[in-house]
Every structure is written in structure tokens, then in C-alpha cells.
């Protein structure tokens, strides 16, 4: 059996291609996913607050990190949902489970955000 190798860019070309793909992914999530738009709006408020409320660089990073994590997890959840929908739109227990697990990951990222903000801002 013959192995087909595809040409992979290296160096700056690979970096530029990766950045372009990332831009398309963020734009697609913004265009197609209401939850991502809502969480992005939340981040636009929460990130400046994190900088303002944090008393040190470490506190600012601790407050900002979970906000960005929510966006990251939502992007991954959206990718899971798009993949499941691409495979088929009929109801299937495993497809539902995959989507529910992705949703649970988003929920847990919000729990982490709330916990970190509560601990940092109360000084505990």
C-alpha cells in the first residue's frame, strides 16, 4: 500500500497559515454561535474589570485567565457540535452525549471563573 504524503508548510508559512485558520475559526464561531457571541461580550466587560480589580500582575492574570478559558472551551464545544452535526442530524444517544459533555465543559469553565474571582476578590 502506498502512503500519500501531503506537503506541509514549515516556518513562517506554517505560522501564517495557522493564524489564518484561527481567524477563520473565530469568525465562524462569531457568525454561527450565539453562545460564543454572548461569552465574547462578557469577556469584553470582564477582561478590563480583571485588569482594574487585580492588585498585582498575578491577580490580574488569575482573573483574566478563566475568562479566556471560557472562550476556549466554548470554541471546542462548538467544534464538537459542528462535527456531530456534520456526521448526521438524526437523533442518536452518542451524539447527544457528546454535545452534553461539551456543554458540561463550558459550565465547569464558568464555575472555575466564579470560584477564582470570588477567591481573588475576597482575599482568601
PDB file of N, CA and C in Angstrom:
ATOM      1  N   UNK A   1       0.839  -1.179   0.000  1.00  0.00           N
ATOM      2  CA  UNK A   1       0.000   0.000   0.000  1.00  0.00           C
ATOM      3  C   UNK A   1       0.881   1.238   0.000  1.00  0.00           C
ATOM      4  N   UNK A   2       0.564   2.179  -0.846  1.00  0.00           N
ATOM      5  CA  UNK A   2       1.356   3.395  -0.980  1.00  0.00           C
ATOM      6  C   UNK A   2       0.863   4.441   0.016  1.00  0.00           C
ATOM      7  N   UNK A   3       1.789   5.061   0.725  1.00  0.00           N
ATOM      8  CA  UNK A   3       1.453   6.121   1.667  1.00  0.00           C
ATOM      9  C   UNK A   3       1.530   7.449   0.932  1.00  0.00           C
ATOM     10  N   UNK A   4       0.457   8.196   1.004  1.00  0.00           N
ATOM     11  CA  UNK A   4       0.419   9.507   0.358  1.00  0.00           C
ATOM     12  C   UNK A   4       0.763  10.559   1.393  1.00  0.00           C
ATOM     13  N   UNK A   5       1.772  11.325   1.090  1.00  0.00           N
ATOM     14  CA  UNK A   5       2.188  12.392   1.996  1.00  0.00           C
ATOM     15  C   UNK A   5       1.754  13.727   1.412  1.00  0.00           C
ATOM     16  N   UNK A   6       1.150  14.512   2.248  1.00  0.00           N
ATOM     17  CA  UNK A   6       0.790  15.845   1.778  1.00  0.00           C
ATOM     18  C   UNK A   6       1.880  16.817   2.206  1.00  0.00           C
ATOM     19  N   UNK A   7       2.052  17.819   1.393  1.00  0.00           N
ATOM     20  CA  UNK A   7       3.077  18.815   1.665  1.00  0.00           C
ATOM     21  C   UNK A   7       2.644  19.679   2.847  1.00  0.00           C
ATOM     22  N   UNK A   8       3.486  19.791   3.843  1.00  0.00           N
ATOM     23  CA  UNK A   8       3.208  20.634   5.000  1.00  0.00           C
ATOM     24  C   UNK A   8       4.165  21.815   4.985  1.00  0.00           C
ATOM     25  N   UNK A   9       3.594  22.986   5.149  1.00  0.00           N
ATOM     26  CA  UNK A   9       4.424  24.183   5.223  1.00  0.00           C
ATOM     27  C   UNK A   9       5.261  24.147   6.491  1.00  0.00           C
ATOM     28  N   UNK A  10       6.356  24.865   6.442  1.00  0.00           N
ATOM     29  CA  UNK A  10       7.225  24.983   7.613  1.00  0.00           C
ATOM     30  C   UNK A  10       7.560  26.448   7.825  1.00  0.00           C
ATOM     31  N   UNK A  11       8.022  26.761   9.024  1.00  0.00           N
ATOM     32  CA  UNK A  11       8.496  28.096   9.327  1.00  0.00           C
ATOM     33  C   UNK A  11       7.393  29.137   9.311  1.00  0.00           C
ATOM     34  N   UNK A  12       7.706  30.293   8.738  1.00  0.00           N
ATOM     35  CA  UNK A  12       6.788  31.425   8.725  1.00  0.00           C
ATOM     36  C   UNK A  12       5.523  31.095   7.936  1.00  0.00           C
ATOM     37  N   UNK A  13       5.657  30.347   6.848  1.00  0.00           N
ATOM     38  CA  UNK A  13       4.493  29.964   6.051  1.00  0.00           C
ATOM     39  C   UNK A  13       3.492  29.168   6.867  1.00  0.00           C
ATOM     40  N   UNK A  14       3.980  28.231   7.674  1.00  0.00           N
ATOM     41  CA  UNK A  14       3.106  27.434   8.533  1.00  0.00           C
ATOM     42  C   UNK A  14       2.440  28.325   9.569  1.00  0.00           C
ATOM     43  N   UNK A  15       3.211  29.252  10.142  1.00  0.00           N
ATOM     44  CA  UNK A  15       2.668  30.159  11.147  1.00  0.00           C
ATOM     45  C   UNK A  15       1.562  31.038  10.553  1.00  0.00           C
ATOM     46  N   UNK A  16       1.794  31.567   9.370  1.00  0.00           N
ATOM     47  CA  UNK A  16       0.790  32.407   8.712  1.00  0.00           C
ATOM     48  C   UNK A  16      -0.464  31.606   8.385  1.00  0.00           C
ATOM     49  N   UNK A  17      -0.269  30.386   7.904  1.00  0.00           N
ATOM     50  CA  UNK A  17      -1.411  29.525   7.590  1.00  0.00           C
ATOM     51  C   UNK A  17      -2.209  29.200   8.857  1.00  0.00           C
ATOM     52  N   UNK A  18      -1.518  28.930   9.948  1.00  0.00           N
ATOM     53  CA  UNK A  18      -2.186  28.626  11.217  1.00  0.00           C
ATOM     54  C   UNK A  18      -2.963  29.837  11.723  1.00  0.00           C
ATOM     55  N   UNK A  19      -2.379  31.025  11.597  1.00  0.00           N
ATOM     56  CA  UNK A  19      -3.066  32.247  12.023  1.00  0.00           C
ATOM     57  C   UNK A  19      -4.314  32.492  11.182  1.00  0.00           C
ATOM     58  N   UNK A  20      -4.221  32.248   9.893  1.00  0.00           N
ATOM     59  CA  UNK A  20      -5.379  32.418   9.010  1.00  0.00           C
ATOM     60  C   UNK A  20      -6.485  31.433   9.383  1.00  0.00           C
ATOM     61  N   UNK A  21      -6.118  30.190   9.657  1.00  0.00           N
ATOM     62  CA  UNK A  21      -7.107  29.188  10.054  1.00  0.00           C
ATOM     63  C   UNK A  21      -7.767  29.577  11.379  1.00  0.00           C
ATOM     64  N   UNK A  22      -6.974  30.097  12.301  1.00  0.00           N
ATOM     65  CA  UNK A  22      -7.513  30.532  13.588  1.00  0.00           C
ATOM     66  C   UNK A  22      -8.488  31.689  13.403  1.00  0.00           C
ATOM     67  N   UNK A  23      -8.129  32.618  12.547  1.00  0.00           N
ATOM     68  CA  UNK A  23      -9.020  33.742  12.261  1.00  0.00           C
ATOM     69  C   UNK A  23     -10.342  33.282  11.667  1.00  0.00           C
ATOM     70  N   UNK A  24     -10.269  32.323  10.732  1.00  0.00           N
ATOM     71  CA  UNK A  24     -11.500  31.770  10.146  1.00  0.00           C
ATOM     72  C   UNK A  24     -12.341  31.065  11.214  1.00  0.00           C
ATOM     73  N   UNK A  25     -11.669  30.388  12.140  1.00  0.00           N
ATOM     74  CA  UNK A  25     -12.393  29.690  13.207  1.00  0.00           C
ATOM     75  C   UNK A  25     -13.109  30.652  14.138  1.00  0.00           C
ATOM     76  N   UNK A  26     -12.426  31.704  14.536  1.00  0.00           N
ATOM     77  CA  UNK A  26     -13.046  32.693  15.421  1.00  0.00           C
ATOM     78  C   UNK A  26     -14.191  33.397  14.696  1.00  0.00           C
ATOM     79  N   UNK A  27     -13.972  33.773  13.438  1.00  0.00           N
ATOM     80  CA  UNK A  27     -15.025  34.439  12.663  1.00  0.00           C
ATOM     81  C   UNK A  27     -16.226  33.514  12.475  1.00  0.00           C
ATOM     82  N   UNK A  28     -15.976  32.241  12.208  1.00  0.00           N
ATOM     83  CA  UNK A  28     -17.057  31.284  12.043  1.00  0.00           C
ATOM     84  C   UNK A  28     -17.845  31.089  13.327  1.00  0.00           C
ATOM     85  N   UNK A  29     -17.147  30.991  14.444  1.00  0.00           N
ATOM     86  CA  UNK A  29     -17.827  30.844  15.729  1.00  0.00           C
ATOM     87  C   UNK A  29     -18.657  32.089  16.029  1.00  0.00           C
ATOM     88  N   UNK A  30     -18.116  33.261  15.733  1.00  0.00           N
ATOM     89  CA  UNK A  30     -18.850  34.503  15.962  1.00  0.00           C
ATOM     90  C   UNK A  30     -20.098  34.554  15.082  1.00  0.00           C
ATOM     91  N   UNK A  31     -19.965  34.141  13.852  1.00  0.00           N
ATOM     92  CA  UNK A  31     -21.070  34.183  12.898  1.00  0.00           C
ATOM     93  C   UNK A  31     -22.152  33.151  13.230  1.00  0.00           C
ATOM     94  N   UNK A  32     -21.754  31.955  13.651  1.00  0.00           N
ATOM     95  CA  UNK A  32     -22.693  30.836  13.770  1.00  0.00           C
ATOM     96  C   UNK A  32     -23.157  30.526  15.187  1.00  0.00           C
ATOM     97  N   UNK A  33     -22.426  30.970  16.197  1.00  0.00           N
ATOM     98  CA  UNK A  33     -22.699  30.518  17.568  1.00  0.00           C
ATOM     99  C   UNK A  33     -23.104  31.676  18.476  1.00  0.00           C
ATOM    100  N   UNK A  34     -24.381  31.721  18.835  1.00  0.00           N
ATOM    101  CA  UNK A  34     -24.898  32.751  19.733  1.00  0.00           C
ATOM    102  C   UNK A  34     -24.185  32.719  21.082  1.00  0.00           C
ATOM    103  N   UNK A  35     -23.941  31.521  21.608  1.00  0.00           N
ATOM    104  CA  UNK A  35     -23.266  31.410  22.907  1.00  0.00           C
ATOM    105  C   UNK A  35     -21.881  32.046  22.859  1.00  0.00           C
ATOM    106  N   UNK A  36     -21.154  31.843  21.763  1.00  0.00           N
ATOM    107  CA  UNK A  36     -19.826  32.444  21.645  1.00  0.00           C
ATOM    108  C   UNK A  36     -19.929  33.969  21.618  1.00  0.00           C
ATOM    109  N   UNK A  37     -20.909  34.503  20.902  1.00  0.00           N
ATOM    110  CA  UNK A  37     -21.082  35.963  20.867  1.00  0.00           C
ATOM    111  C   UNK A  37     -21.386  36.503  22.257  1.00  0.00           C
ATOM    112  N   UNK A  38     -22.238  35.802  23.007  1.00  0.00           N
ATOM    113  CA  UNK A  38     -22.579  36.245  24.363  1.00  0.00           C
ATOM    114  C   UNK A  38     -21.361  36.183  25.277  1.00  0.00           C
ATOM    115  N   UNK A  39     -20.602  35.111  25.180  1.00  0.00           N
ATOM    116  CA  UNK A  39     -19.420  34.969  26.033  1.00  0.00           C
ATOM    117  C   UNK A  39     -18.333  35.961  25.637  1.00  0.00           C
ATOM    118  N   UNK A  40     -18.248  36.291  24.368  1.00  0.00           N
ATOM    119  CA  UNK A  40     -17.296  37.303  23.918  1.00  0.00           C
ATOM    120  C   UNK A  40     -17.676  38.671  24.471  1.00  0.00           C
ATOM    121  N   UNK A  41     -18.952  38.979  24.473  1.00  0.00           N
ATOM    122  CA  UNK A  41     -19.425  40.234  25.072  1.00  0.00           C
ATOM    123  C   UNK A  41     -19.101  40.260  26.564  1.00  0.00           C
ATOM    124  N   UNK A  42     -19.340  39.141  27.233  1.00  0.00           N
ATOM    125  CA  UNK A  42     -18.990  39.028  28.646  1.00  0.00           C
ATOM    126  C   UNK A  42     -17.492  39.273  28.845  1.00  0.00           C
ATOM    127  N   UNK A  43     -16.670  38.686  27.978  1.00  0.00           N
ATOM    128  CA  UNK A  43     -15.211  38.856  28.085  1.00  0.00           C
ATOM    129  C   UNK A  43     -14.807  40.312  27.867  1.00  0.00           C
ATOM    130  N   UNK A  44     -15.511  41.009  26.986  1.00  0.00           N
ATOM    131  CA  UNK A  44     -15.196  42.426  26.731  1.00  0.00           C
ATOM    132  C   UNK A  44     -15.449  43.282  27.970  1.00  0.00           C
ATOM    133  N   UNK A  45     -16.322  42.830  28.847  1.00  0.00           N
ATOM    134  CA  UNK A  45     -16.563  43.525  30.119  1.00  0.00           C
ATOM    135  C   UNK A  45     -15.622  42.990  31.199  1.00  0.00           C
ATOM    136  N   UNK A  46     -15.486  41.664  31.273  1.00  0.00           N
ATOM    137  CA  UNK A  46     -14.747  41.034  32.366  1.00  0.00           C
ATOM    138  C   UNK A  46     -13.235  41.254  32.278  1.00  0.00           C
ATOM    139  N   UNK A  47     -12.672  41.271  31.073  1.00  0.00           N
ATOM    140  CA  UNK A  47     -11.218  41.430  30.962  1.00  0.00           C
ATOM    141  C   UNK A  47     -10.746  42.801  31.435  1.00  0.00           C
ATOM    142  N   UNK A  48     -11.389  43.892  31.028  1.00  0.00           N
ATOM    143  CA  UNK A  48     -10.972  45.186  31.607  1.00  0.00           C
ATOM    144  C   UNK A  48     -11.200  45.240  33.122  1.00  0.00           C
ATOM    145  N   UNK A  49     -12.284  44.611  33.598  1.00  0.00           N
ATOM    146  CA  UNK A  49     -12.509  44.550  35.041  1.00  0.00           C
ATOM    147  C   UNK A  49     -11.392  43.790  35.746  1.00  0.00           C
ATOM    148  N   UNK A  50     -10.932  42.708  35.123  1.00  0.00           N
ATOM    149  CA  UNK A  50      -9.844  41.914  35.710  1.00  0.00           C
ATOM    150  C   UNK A  50      -8.595  42.766  35.869  1.00  0.00           C
ATOM    151  N   UNK A  51      -8.302  43.574  34.865  1.00  0.00           N
ATOM    152  CA  UNK A  51      -7.121  44.449  34.935  1.00  0.00           C
ATOM    153  C   UNK A  51      -7.318  45.518  36.008  1.00  0.00           C
ATOM    154  N   UNK A  52      -8.523  46.042  36.103  1.00  0.00           N
ATOM    155  CA  UNK A  52      -8.803  47.117  37.051  1.00  0.00           C
ATOM    156  C   UNK A  52      -8.866  46.607  38.490  1.00  0.00           C
ATOM    157  N   UNK A  53      -9.489  45.441  38.702  1.00  0.00           N
ATOM    158  CA  UNK A  53      -9.685  44.922  40.057  1.00  0.00           C
ATOM    159  C   UNK A  53      -8.467  44.204  40.618  1.00  0.00           C
ATOM    160  N   UNK A  54      -7.652  43.639  39.760  1.00  0.00           N
ATOM    161  CA  UNK A  54      -6.468  42.931  40.245  1.00  0.00           C
ATOM    162  C   UNK A  54      -5.461  43.904  40.840  1.00  0.00           C
ATOM    163  N   UNK A  55      -4.920  43.545  42.001  1.00  0.00           N
ATOM    164  CA  UNK A  55      -3.974  44.443  42.679  1.00  0.00           C
ATOM    165  C   UNK A  55      -2.535  44.174  42.282  1.00  0.00           C
ATOM    166  N   UNK A  56      -2.300  43.072  41.612  1.00  0.00           N
ATOM    167  CA  UNK A  56      -0.944  42.740  41.160  1.00  0.00           C
ATOM    168  C   UNK A  56      -1.056  42.041  39.809  1.00  0.00           C
ATOM    169  N   UNK A  57       0.077  41.835  39.195  1.00  0.00           N
ATOM    170  CA  UNK A  57       0.075  41.124  37.929  1.00  0.00           C
ATOM    171  C   UNK A  57      -0.467  39.716  38.064  1.00  0.00           C
ATOM    172  N   UNK A  58      -0.147  39.071  39.171  1.00  0.00           N
ATOM    173  CA  UNK A  58      -0.630  37.703  39.398  1.00  0.00           C
ATOM    174  C   UNK A  58      -2.145  37.696  39.545  1.00  0.00           C
ATOM    175  N   UNK A  59      -2.680  38.633  40.314  1.00  0.00           N
ATOM    176  CA  UNK A  59      -4.132  38.687  40.475  1.00  0.00           C
ATOM    177  C   UNK A  59      -4.821  39.004  39.148  1.00  0.00           C
ATOM    178  N   UNK A  60      -4.251  39.911  38.380  1.00  0.00           N
ATOM    179  CA  UNK A  60      -4.834  40.231  37.079  1.00  0.00           C
ATOM    180  C   UNK A  60      -4.848  39.001  36.175  1.00  0.00           C
ATOM    181  N   UNK A  61      -3.758  38.251  36.195  1.00  0.00           N
ATOM    182  CA  UNK A  61      -3.686  37.030  35.384  1.00  0.00           C
ATOM    183  C   UNK A  61      -4.690  35.992  35.874  1.00  0.00           C
ATOM    184  N   UNK A  62      -4.826  35.864  37.195  1.00  0.00           N
ATOM    185  CA  UNK A  62      -5.786  34.907  37.746  1.00  0.00           C
ATOM    186  C   UNK A  62      -7.217  35.274  37.401  1.00  0.00           C
ATOM    187  N   UNK A  63      -7.520  36.556  37.346  1.00  0.00           N
ATOM    188  CA  UNK A  63      -8.869  36.983  36.993  1.00  0.00           C
ATOM    189  C   UNK A  63      -9.127  36.868  35.491  1.00  0.00           C
ATOM    190  N   UNK A  64      -8.123  37.167  34.681  1.00  0.00           N
ATOM    191  CA  UNK A  64      -8.297  37.140  33.229  1.00  0.00           C
ATOM    192  C   UNK A  64      -8.270  35.715  32.667  1.00  0.00           C
ATOM    193  N   UNK A  65      -7.462  34.849  33.238  1.00  0.00           N
ATOM    194  CA  UNK A  65      -7.285  33.500  32.706  1.00  0.00           C
ATOM    195  C   UNK A  65      -8.577  32.720  32.529  1.00  0.00           C
ATOM    196  N   UNK A  66      -9.416  32.626  33.565  1.00  0.00           N
ATOM    197  CA  UNK A  66     -10.659  31.859  33.401  1.00  0.00           C
ATOM    198  C   UNK A  66     -11.631  32.480  32.394  1.00  0.00           C
ATOM    199  N   UNK A  67     -11.573  33.794  32.220  1.00  0.00           N
ATOM    200  CA  UNK A  67     -12.430  34.443  31.223  1.00  0.00           C
ATOM    201  C   UNK A  67     -12.041  33.947  29.831  1.00  0.00           C
ATOM    202  N   UNK A  68     -10.737  33.925  29.561  1.00  0.00           N
ATOM    203  CA  UNK A  68     -10.264  33.413  28.278  1.00  0.00           C
ATOM    204  C   UNK A  68     -10.526  31.914  28.151  1.00  0.00           C
ATOM    205  N   UNK A  69     -10.426  31.198  29.267  1.00  0.00           N
ATOM    206  CA  UNK A  69     -10.694  29.756  29.240  1.00  0.00           C
ATOM    207  C   UNK A  69     -12.140  29.471  28.833  1.00  0.00           C
ATOM    208  N   UNK A  70     -13.083  30.284  29.295  1.00  0.00           N
ATOM    209  CA  UNK A  70     -14.483  30.110  28.895  1.00  0.00           C
ATOM    210  C   UNK A  70     -14.600  30.194  27.374  1.00  0.00           C
ATOM    211  N   UNK A  71     -13.925  31.182  26.763  1.00  0.00           N
ATOM    212  CA  UNK A  71     -13.969  31.324  25.304  1.00  0.00           C
ATOM    213  C   UNK A  71     -13.333  30.117  24.619  1.00  0.00           C
ATOM    214  N   UNK A  72     -12.228  29.646  25.139  1.00  0.00           N
ATOM    215  CA  UNK A  72     -11.542  28.492  24.560  1.00  0.00           C
ATOM    216  C   UNK A  72     -12.437  27.256  24.617  1.00  0.00           C
ATOM    217  N   UNK A  73     -13.018  27.014  25.780  1.00  0.00           N
ATOM    218  CA  UNK A  73     -13.871  25.834  25.942  1.00  0.00           C
ATOM    219  C   UNK A  73     -15.111  25.947  25.054  1.00  0.00           C
ATOM    220  N   UNK A  74     -15.661  27.151  24.916  1.00  0.00           N
ATOM    221  CA  UNK A  74     -16.814  27.335  24.025  1.00  0.00           C
ATOM    222  C   UNK A  74     -16.442  27.052  22.578  1.00  0.00           C
ATOM    223  N   UNK A  75     -15.248  27.466  22.160  1.00  0.00           N
ATOM    224  CA  UNK A  75     -14.801  27.151  20.799  1.00  0.00           C
ATOM    225  C   UNK A  75     -14.695  25.639  20.599  1.00  0.00           C
ATOM    226  N   UNK A  76     -14.139  24.943  21.569  1.00  0.00           N
ATOM    227  CA  UNK A  76     -14.036  23.482  21.470  1.00  0.00           C
ATOM    228  C   UNK A  76     -15.417  22.830  21.472  1.00  0.00           C
ATOM    229  N   UNK A  77     -16.322  23.333  22.321  1.00  0.00           N
ATOM    230  CA  UNK A  77     -17.679  22.812  22.349  1.00  0.00           C
ATOM    231  C   UNK A  77     -18.370  23.028  21.005  1.00  0.00           C
ATOM    232  N   UNK A  78     -18.181  24.199  20.420  1.00  0.00           N
ATOM    233  CA  UNK A  78     -18.778  24.482  19.117  1.00  0.00           C
ATOM    234  C   UNK A  78     -18.205  23.562  18.045  1.00  0.00           C
ATOM    235  N   UNK A  79     -16.921  23.263  18.135  1.00  0.00           N
ATOM    236  CA  UNK A  79     -16.304  22.335  17.174  1.00  0.00           C
ATOM    237  C   UNK A  79     -16.892  20.935  17.318  1.00  0.00           C
ATOM    238  N   UNK A  80     -17.114  20.503  18.546  1.00  0.00           N
ATOM    239  CA  UNK A  80     -17.741  19.198  18.784  1.00  0.00           C
ATOM    240  C   UNK A  80     -19.143  19.177  18.177  1.00  0.00           C
ATOM    241  N   UNK A  81     -19.908  20.229  18.446  1.00  0.00           N
ATOM    242  CA  UNK A  81     -21.275  20.287  17.925  1.00  0.00           C
ATOM    243  C   UNK A  81     -21.290  20.290  16.396  1.00  0.00           C
ATOM    244  N   UNK A  82     -20.400  21.054  15.787  1.00  0.00           N
ATOM    245  CA  UNK A  82     -20.350  21.101  14.319  1.00  0.00           C
ATOM    246  C   UNK A  82     -19.973  19.739  13.748  1.00  0.00           C
ATOM    247  N   UNK A  83     -19.040  19.056  14.390  1.00  0.00           N
ATOM    248  CA  UNK A  83     -18.626  17.735  13.917  1.00  0.00           C
ATOM    249  C   UNK A  83     -19.766  16.734  14.036  1.00  0.00           C
ATOM    250  N   UNK A  84     -20.439  16.740  15.172  1.00  0.00           N
ATOM    251  CA  UNK A  84     -21.565  15.822  15.367  1.00  0.00           C
ATOM    252  C   UNK A  84     -22.654  16.114  14.342  1.00  0.00           C
ATOM    253  N   UNK A  85     -22.954  17.396  14.127  1.00  0.00           N
ATOM    254  CA  UNK A  85     -23.988  17.751  13.145  1.00  0.00           C
ATOM    255  C   UNK A  85     -23.569  17.379  11.727  1.00  0.00           C
ATOM    256  N   UNK A  86     -22.299  17.448  11.427  1.00  0.00           N
ATOM    257  CA  UNK A  86     -21.791  17.088  10.093  1.00  0.00           C
ATOM    258  C   UNK A  86     -21.983  15.599   9.831  1.00  0.00           C
ATOM    259  N   UNK A  87     -21.814  14.808  10.880  1.00  0.00           N
ATOM    260  CA  UNK A  87     -21.949  13.358  10.740  1.00  0.00           C
ATOM    261  C   UNK A  87     -23.400  12.979  10.457  1.00  0.00           C
ATOM    262  N   UNK A  88     -24.330  13.679  11.081  1.00  0.00           N
ATOM    263  CA  UNK A  88     -25.740  13.388  10.834  1.00  0.00           C
ATOM    264  C   UNK A  88     -26.627  14.172  11.781  1.00  0.00           C
ATOM    265  N   UNK A  89     -27.775  14.590  11.297  1.00  0.00           N
ATOM    266  CA  UNK A  89     -28.689  15.385  12.111  1.00  0.00           C
ATOM    267  C   UNK A  89     -29.733  14.538  12.839  1.00  0.00           C
ATOM    268  N   UNK A  90     -29.772  13.225  12.550  1.00  0.00           N
ATOM    269  CA  UNK A  90     -30.732  12.384  13.254  1.00  0.00           C
ATOM    270  C   UNK A  90     -30.311  12.252  14.720  1.00  0.00           C
ATOM    271  N   UNK A  91     -31.295  12.034  15.557  1.00  0.00           N
ATOM    272  CA  UNK A  91     -31.020  11.904  16.987  1.00  0.00           C
ATOM    273  C   UNK A  91     -30.322  10.577  17.269  1.00  0.00           C
ATOM    274  N   UNK A  92     -29.254  10.646  18.025  1.00  0.00           N
ATOM    275  CA  UNK A  92     -28.524   9.450  18.425  1.00  0.00           C
ATOM    276  C   UNK A  92     -28.006   9.688  19.836  1.00  0.00           C
ATOM    277  N   UNK A  93     -28.056   8.667  20.663  1.00  0.00           N
ATOM    278  CA  UNK A  93     -27.660   8.817  22.062  1.00  0.00           C
ATOM    279  C   UNK A  93     -26.217   9.289  22.200  1.00  0.00           C
ATOM    280  N   UNK A  94     -25.313   8.755  21.390  1.00  0.00           N
ATOM    281  CA  UNK A  94     -23.909   9.160  21.494  1.00  0.00           C
ATOM    282  C   UNK A  94     -23.686  10.595  21.014  1.00  0.00           C
ATOM    283  N   UNK A  95     -24.434  11.008  19.993  1.00  0.00           N
ATOM    284  CA  UNK A  95     -24.333  12.391  19.529  1.00  0.00           C
ATOM    285  C   UNK A  95     -24.818  13.341  20.614  1.00  0.00           C
ATOM    286  N   UNK A  96     -25.928  12.997  21.244  1.00  0.00           N
ATOM    287  CA  UNK A  96     -26.440  13.817  22.343  1.00  0.00           C
ATOM    288  C   UNK A  96     -25.477  13.861  23.510  1.00  0.00           C
ATOM    289  N   UNK A  97     -24.881  12.713  23.813  1.00  0.00           N
ATOM    290  CA  UNK A  97     -23.913  12.659  24.906  1.00  0.00           C
ATOM    291  C   UNK A  97     -22.697  13.537  24.614  1.00  0.00           C
ATOM    292  N   UNK A  98     -22.194  13.485  23.390  1.00  0.00           N
ATOM    293  CA  UNK A  98     -21.040  14.314  23.018  1.00  0.00           C
ATOM    294  C   UNK A  98     -21.365  15.794  23.196  1.00  0.00           C
ATOM    295  N   UNK A  99     -22.541  16.195  22.750  1.00  0.00           N
ATOM    296  CA  UNK A  99     -22.934  17.597  22.899  1.00  0.00           C
ATOM    297  C   UNK A  99     -23.128  17.972  24.362  1.00  0.00           C
ATOM    298  N   UNK A 100     -23.715  17.073  25.148  1.00  0.00           N
ATOM    299  CA  UNK A 100     -23.917  17.343  26.570  1.00  0.00           C
ATOM    300  C   UNK A 100     -22.590  17.451  27.320  1.00  0.00           C
ATOM    301  N   UNK A 101     -21.639  16.612  26.973  1.00  0.00           N
ATOM    302  CA  UNK A 101     -20.321  16.672  27.618  1.00  0.00           C
ATOM    303  C   UNK A 101     -19.632  17.988  27.279  1.00  0.00           C
ATOM    304  N   UNK A 102     -19.727  18.418  26.028  1.00  0.00           N
ATOM    305  CA  UNK A 102     -19.161  19.717  25.652  1.00  0.00           C
ATOM    306  C   UNK A 102     -19.808  20.851  26.420  1.00  0.00           C
ATOM    307  N   UNK A 103     -21.123  20.789  26.569  1.00  0.00           N
ATOM    308  CA  UNK A 103     -21.843  21.800  27.339  1.00  0.00           C
ATOM    309  C   UNK A 103     -21.416  21.781  28.803  1.00  0.00           C
ATOM    310  N   UNK A 104     -21.215  20.600  29.361  1.00  0.00           N
ATOM    311  CA  UNK A 104     -20.760  20.480  30.746  1.00  0.00           C
ATOM    312  C   UNK A 104     -19.380  21.108  30.921  1.00  0.00           C
ATOM    313  N   UNK A 105     -18.521  20.963  29.916  1.00  0.00           N
ATOM    314  CA  UNK A 105     -17.191  21.574  29.987  1.00  0.00           C
ATOM    315  C   UNK A 105     -17.301  23.097  30.042  1.00  0.00           C
ATOM    316  N   UNK A 106     -18.216  23.664  29.273  1.00  0.00           N
ATOM    317  CA  UNK A 106     -18.431  25.118  29.320  1.00  0.00           C
ATOM    318  C   UNK A 106     -18.928  25.518  30.703  1.00  0.00           C
ATOM    319  N   UNK A 107     -19.881  24.763  31.236  1.00  0.00           N
ATOM    320  CA  UNK A 107     -20.402  25.060  32.574  1.00  0.00           C
ATOM    321  C   UNK A 107     -19.289  25.034  33.620  1.00  0.00           C
ATOM    322  N   UNK A 108     -18.446  24.009  33.566  1.00  0.00           N
ATOM    323  CA  UNK A 108     -17.362  23.914  34.542  1.00  0.00           C
ATOM    324  C   UNK A 108     -16.348  25.048  34.391  1.00  0.00           C
ATOM    325  N   UNK A 109     -16.151  25.528  33.165  1.00  0.00           N
ATOM    326  CA  UNK A 109     -15.238  26.664  32.993  1.00  0.00           C
ATOM    327  C   UNK A 109     -15.832  27.914  33.638  1.00  0.00           C
ATOM    328  N   UNK A 110     -17.162  28.062  33.596  1.00  0.00           N
ATOM    329  CA  UNK A 110     -17.802  29.183  34.289  1.00  0.00           C
ATOM    330  C   UNK A 110     -17.720  29.011  35.806  1.00  0.00           C
ATOM    331  N   UNK A 111     -17.862  27.783  36.295  1.00  0.00           N
ATOM    332  CA  UNK A 111     -17.710  27.529  37.731  1.00  0.00           C
ATOM    333  C   UNK A 111     -16.303  27.925  38.176  1.00  0.00           C
ATOM    334  N   UNK A 112     -15.303  27.522  37.407  1.00  0.00           N
ATOM    335  CA  UNK A 112     -13.926  27.898  37.713  1.00  0.00           C
ATOM    336  C   UNK A 112     -13.774  29.413  37.721  1.00  0.00           C
ATOM    337  N   UNK A 113     -14.344  30.084  36.736  1.00  0.00           N
ATOM    338  CA  UNK A 113     -14.271  31.538  36.672  1.00  0.00           C
ATOM    339  C   UNK A 113     -14.858  32.147  37.942  1.00  0.00           C
ATOM    340  N   UNK A 114     -16.039  31.720  38.320  1.00  0.00           N
ATOM    341  CA  UNK A 114     -16.677  32.260  39.528  1.00  0.00           C
ATOM    342  C   UNK A 114     -15.871  31.999  40.786  1.00  0.00           C
ATOM    343  N   UNK A 115     -15.342  30.800  40.903  1.00  0.00           N
ATOM    344  CA  UNK A 115     -14.544  30.436  42.071  1.00  0.00           C
ATOM    345  C   UNK A 115     -13.275  31.273  42.160  1.00  0.00           C
ATOM    346  N   UNK A 116     -12.550  31.398  41.057  1.00  0.00           N
ATOM    347  CA  UNK A 116     -11.308  32.184  41.055  1.00  0.00           C
ATOM    348  C   UNK A 116     -11.606  33.642  41.374  1.00  0.00           C
ATOM    349  N   UNK A 117     -12.621  34.217  40.747  1.00  0.00           N
ATOM    350  CA  UNK A 117     -12.948  35.618  41.019  1.00  0.00           C
ATOM    351  C   UNK A 117     -13.334  35.806  42.477  1.00  0.00           C
ATOM    352  N   UNK A 118     -14.148  34.897  43.026  1.00  0.00           N
ATOM    353  CA  UNK A 118     -14.555  35.011  44.433  1.00  0.00           C
ATOM    354  C   UNK A 118     -13.343  34.937  45.347  1.00  0.00           C
ATOM    355  N   UNK A 119     -12.445  33.991  45.108  1.00  0.00           N
ATOM    356  CA  UNK A 119     -11.284  33.837  45.979  1.00  0.00           C
ATOM    357  C   UNK A 119     -10.318  35.023  45.869  1.00  0.00           C
ATOM    358  N   UNK A 120     -10.070  35.474  44.651  1.00  0.00           N
ATOM    359  CA  UNK A 120      -9.126  36.580  44.459  1.00  0.00           C
ATOM    360  C   UNK A 120      -9.710  37.879  45.040  1.00  0.00           C
ATOM    361  N   UNK A 121     -10.978  38.138  44.744  1.00  0.00           N
ATOM    362  CA  UNK A 121     -11.544  39.429  45.148  1.00  0.00           C
ATOM    363  C   UNK A 121     -11.903  39.505  46.636  1.00  0.00           C
ATOM    364  N   UNK A 122     -12.052  38.354  47.285  1.00  0.00           N
ATOM    365  CA  UNK A 122     -12.304  38.381  48.735  1.00  0.00           C
ATOM    366  C   UNK A 122     -11.016  38.235  49.531  1.00  0.00           C
ATOM    367  N   UNK A 123      -9.921  37.990  48.852  1.00  0.00           N
ATOM    368  CA  UNK A 123      -8.628  37.899  49.523  1.00  0.00           C
ATOM    369  C   UNK A 123      -8.371  36.575  50.223  1.00  0.00           C
ATOM    370  N   UNK A 124      -9.135  35.559  49.899  1.00  0.00           N
ATOM    371  CA  UNK A 124      -8.928  34.241  50.533  1.00  0.00           C
ATOM    372  C   UNK A 124      -7.965  33.394  49.752  1.00  0.00           C
TER     373      UNK A 124
END
